Amino acid sequence: MLVRKIDLQITQKGHDTSSGNKAGYFQIVGMATGSEKLMFVIGHCCAIVMGVALPIFQIFLADSFDAFAEVDKDD
């Protein structure tokens, strides 16, 4: 829906969109409504939090997971 609206606005300004030129990220965000911009910000923040949280989760719980591994210490 948003892409169609942007494509229509670009076409109305006299630019040909059929040549394969795509709208850039900032051009798309610039034409978004306030609620859509808010969703972009929330999505980016959640992606950053998960990108940081998953490696930290693995670092802190690695010892706990190792406790469940069968280790033969007699050899």
N, C-alpha and C. Protein backbone atom coordinates (compact mmCIF):
# COMPACT_ATOMS: atom_id res chain seq x y z
N MET A 1 0.83 -1.19 0.00
CA MET A 1 0.00 0.00 0.00
C MET A 1 0.87 1.25 0.00
N LEU A 2 1.84 1.30 0.90
CA LEU A 2 2.72 2.47 0.99
C LEU A 2 3.55 2.62 -0.28
N VAL A 3 4.02 1.49 -0.82
CA VAL A 3 4.85 1.54 -2.02
C VAL A 3 4.03 2.05 -3.20
N ARG A 4 2.78 1.63 -3.31
CA ARG A 4 1.92 2.12 -4.39
C ARG A 4 1.68 3.61 -4.28
N LYS A 5 1.47 4.09 -3.05
CA LYS A 5 1.24 5.52 -2.83
C LYS A 5 2.48 6.32 -3.20
N ILE A 6 3.63 5.83 -2.83
CA ILE A 6 4.88 6.51 -3.16
C ILE A 6 5.11 6.50 -4.66
N ASP A 7 4.85 5.35 -5.28
CA ASP A 7 5.02 5.24 -6.73
C ASP A 7 4.10 6.23 -7.45
N LEU A 8 2.89 6.38 -6.97
CA LEU A 8 1.94 7.33 -7.56
C LEU A 8 2.43 8.76 -7.39
N GLN A 9 2.94 9.09 -6.21
CA GLN A 9 3.45 10.45 -5.96
C GLN A 9 4.66 10.75 -6.83
N ILE A 10 5.53 9.78 -7.00
CA ILE A 10 6.72 9.98 -7.83
C ILE A 10 6.31 10.15 -9.29
N THR A 11 5.33 9.36 -9.74
CA THR A 11 4.85 9.46 -11.11
C THR A 11 4.20 10.82 -11.35
N GLN A 12 3.45 11.33 -10.38
CA GLN A 12 2.81 12.63 -10.52
C GLN A 12 3.83 13.76 -10.61
N LYS A 13 5.00 13.57 -10.04
CA LYS A 13 6.04 14.59 -10.11
C LYS A 13 6.78 14.56 -11.44
N GLY A 14 6.44 13.58 -12.30
CA GLY A 14 7.03 13.54 -13.62
C GLY A 14 8.16 12.55 -13.79
N HIS A 15 8.42 11.75 -12.81
CA HIS A 15 9.48 10.76 -12.91
C HIS A 15 8.91 9.44 -13.42
N ASP A 16 9.66 8.78 -14.26
CA ASP A 16 9.24 7.49 -14.80
C ASP A 16 9.69 6.38 -13.87
N THR A 17 8.74 5.63 -13.34
CA THR A 17 9.07 4.56 -12.41
C THR A 17 9.16 3.21 -13.11
N SER A 18 8.85 3.13 -14.38
CA SER A 18 8.87 1.84 -15.07
C SER A 18 10.26 1.45 -15.53
N SER A 19 11.23 2.35 -15.43
CA SER A 19 12.57 2.05 -15.92
C SER A 19 13.38 1.19 -14.96
N GLY A 20 12.80 0.81 -13.83
CA GLY A 20 13.51 -0.04 -12.89
C GLY A 20 14.14 0.74 -11.76
N ASN A 21 14.10 2.05 -11.78
CA ASN A 21 14.64 2.84 -10.68
C ASN A 21 13.73 2.68 -9.47
N LYS A 22 14.31 2.37 -8.37
CA LYS A 22 13.54 2.15 -7.16
C LYS A 22 13.69 3.35 -6.23
N ALA A 23 12.67 3.57 -5.42
CA ALA A 23 12.72 4.64 -4.43
C ALA A 23 13.70 4.25 -3.33
N GLY A 24 14.49 5.21 -2.89
CA GLY A 24 15.44 4.95 -1.82
C GLY A 24 14.77 4.89 -0.47
N TYR A 25 15.50 4.42 0.53
CA TYR A 25 14.96 4.26 1.88
C TYR A 25 14.48 5.60 2.44
N PHE A 26 15.31 6.63 2.33
CA PHE A 26 14.95 7.92 2.91
C PHE A 26 13.81 8.57 2.15
N GLN A 27 13.68 8.26 0.87
CA GLN A 27 12.56 8.78 0.10
C GLN A 27 11.26 8.12 0.57
N ILE A 28 11.31 6.84 0.86
CA ILE A 28 10.13 6.14 1.35
C ILE A 28 9.76 6.63 2.74
N VAL A 29 10.73 6.74 3.62
CA VAL A 29 10.46 7.19 4.98
C VAL A 29 9.96 8.63 4.98
N GLY A 30 10.47 9.45 4.08
CA GLY A 30 10.04 10.84 4.01
C GLY A 30 8.58 10.99 3.63
N MET A 31 8.03 10.04 2.89
CA MET A 31 6.63 10.10 2.48
C MET A 31 5.70 9.35 3.43
N ALA A 32 6.24 8.72 4.44
CA ALA A 32 5.43 7.95 5.38
C ALA A 32 4.70 8.88 6.34
N THR A 33 3.58 8.38 6.86
CA THR A 33 2.83 9.15 7.85
C THR A 33 3.54 9.06 9.20
N GLY A 34 3.06 9.81 10.14
CA GLY A 34 3.66 9.81 11.47
C GLY A 34 3.60 8.45 12.15
N SER A 35 2.46 7.76 12.01
CA SER A 35 2.34 6.44 12.64
C SER A 35 3.26 5.42 11.96
N GLU A 36 3.45 5.54 10.65
CA GLU A 36 4.35 4.62 9.95
C GLU A 36 5.80 4.88 10.36
N LYS A 37 6.17 6.14 10.53
CA LYS A 37 7.52 6.46 11.00
C LYS A 37 7.74 5.91 12.40
N LEU A 38 6.71 5.98 13.24
CA LEU A 38 6.80 5.43 14.59
C LEU A 38 7.01 3.92 14.54
N MET A 39 6.32 3.24 13.63
CA MET A 39 6.51 1.80 13.48
C MET A 39 7.93 1.47 13.00
N PHE A 40 8.49 2.29 12.10
CA PHE A 40 9.88 2.10 11.66
C PHE A 40 10.83 2.21 12.84
N VAL A 41 10.64 3.23 13.67
CA VAL A 41 11.52 3.45 14.82
C VAL A 41 11.40 2.29 15.81
N ILE A 42 10.17 1.88 16.11
CA ILE A 42 9.97 0.78 17.05
C ILE A 42 10.58 -0.50 16.50
N GLY A 43 10.41 -0.75 15.22
CA GLY A 43 10.99 -1.95 14.60
C GLY A 43 12.50 -1.96 14.66
N HIS A 44 13.12 -0.81 14.38
CA HIS A 44 14.58 -0.73 14.44
C HIS A 44 15.08 -0.92 15.88
N CYS A 45 14.38 -0.31 16.85
CA CYS A 45 14.79 -0.45 18.25
C CYS A 45 14.68 -1.91 18.71
N CYS A 46 13.59 -2.58 18.33
CA CYS A 46 13.43 -4.00 18.71
C CYS A 46 14.50 -4.86 18.06
N ALA A 47 14.85 -4.57 16.81
CA ALA A 47 15.90 -5.34 16.13
C ALA A 47 17.24 -5.15 16.82
N ILE A 48 17.54 -3.94 17.25
CA ILE A 48 18.80 -3.67 17.96
C ILE A 48 18.83 -4.40 19.29
N VAL A 49 17.72 -4.35 20.04
CA VAL A 49 17.66 -5.02 21.34
C VAL A 49 17.85 -6.52 21.18
N MET A 50 17.19 -7.13 20.21
CA MET A 50 17.33 -8.57 20.01
C MET A 50 18.73 -8.92 19.48
N GLY A 51 19.30 -8.06 18.66
CA GLY A 51 20.64 -8.31 18.17
C GLY A 51 21.69 -8.29 19.27
N VAL A 52 21.43 -7.52 20.31
CA VAL A 52 22.34 -7.46 21.45
C VAL A 52 22.00 -8.54 22.48
N ALA A 53 20.71 -8.81 22.66
CA ALA A 53 20.28 -9.72 23.72
C ALA A 53 20.64 -11.17 23.43
N LEU A 54 20.52 -11.62 22.22
CA LEU A 54 20.78 -13.03 21.94
C LEU A 54 22.22 -13.45 22.20
N PRO A 55 23.23 -12.69 21.77
CA PRO A 55 24.60 -13.09 22.13
C PRO A 55 24.87 -13.03 23.63
N ILE A 56 24.31 -12.03 24.30
CA ILE A 56 24.50 -11.92 25.75
C ILE A 56 23.82 -13.10 26.45
N PHE A 57 22.64 -13.49 25.97
CA PHE A 57 21.94 -14.64 26.51
C PHE A 57 22.81 -15.89 26.42
N GLN A 58 23.46 -16.08 25.30
CA GLN A 58 24.32 -17.24 25.10
C GLN A 58 25.54 -17.19 26.02
N ILE A 59 26.13 -16.03 26.19
CA ILE A 59 27.32 -15.90 27.04
C ILE A 59 26.98 -16.22 28.49
N PHE A 60 25.86 -15.69 28.99
CA PHE A 60 25.50 -15.89 30.40
C PHE A 60 25.01 -17.31 30.69
N LEU A 61 24.39 -17.96 29.74
CA LEU A 61 23.84 -19.28 30.00
C LEU A 61 24.70 -20.43 29.49
N ALA A 62 25.86 -20.15 28.95
CA ALA A 62 26.72 -21.20 28.41
C ALA A 62 27.12 -22.19 29.50
N ASP A 63 27.46 -21.70 30.69
CA ASP A 63 27.84 -22.59 31.79
C ASP A 63 26.67 -23.47 32.23
N SER A 64 25.48 -22.92 32.20
CA SER A 64 24.30 -23.71 32.57
C SER A 64 24.06 -24.82 31.58
N PHE A 65 24.23 -24.54 30.31
CA PHE A 65 24.04 -25.56 29.28
C PHE A 65 25.14 -26.62 29.36
N ASP A 66 26.34 -26.21 29.71
CA ASP A 66 27.43 -27.18 29.84
C ASP A 66 27.19 -28.14 31.00
N ALA A 67 26.45 -27.73 32.01
CA ALA A 67 26.17 -28.61 33.15
C ALA A 67 25.32 -29.80 32.74
N PHE A 68 24.54 -29.67 31.67
CA PHE A 68 23.70 -30.77 31.21
C PHE A 68 24.45 -31.73 30.28
N ALA A 69 25.59 -31.34 29.81
CA ALA A 69 26.38 -32.19 28.89
C ALA A 69 27.01 -33.33 29.69
N GLU A 70 27.03 -34.48 29.05
CA GLU A 70 27.67 -35.63 29.69
C GLU A 70 29.16 -35.54 29.44
N VAL A 71 29.93 -35.46 30.50
CA VAL A 71 31.36 -35.35 30.38
C VAL A 71 31.97 -36.55 31.12
N ASP A 72 32.79 -37.28 30.40
CA ASP A 72 33.44 -38.45 31.01
C ASP A 72 34.77 -37.99 31.55
N LYS A 73 34.87 -37.83 32.87
CA LYS A 73 36.08 -37.30 33.49
C LYS A 73 37.03 -38.41 33.93
N ASP A 74 36.63 -39.67 33.73
CA ASP A 74 37.49 -40.79 34.15
C ASP A 74 38.63 -41.03 33.17
N ASP A 75 38.49 -40.59 31.94
CA ASP A 75 39.54 -40.86 30.93
C ASP A 75 40.66 -39.94 31.07
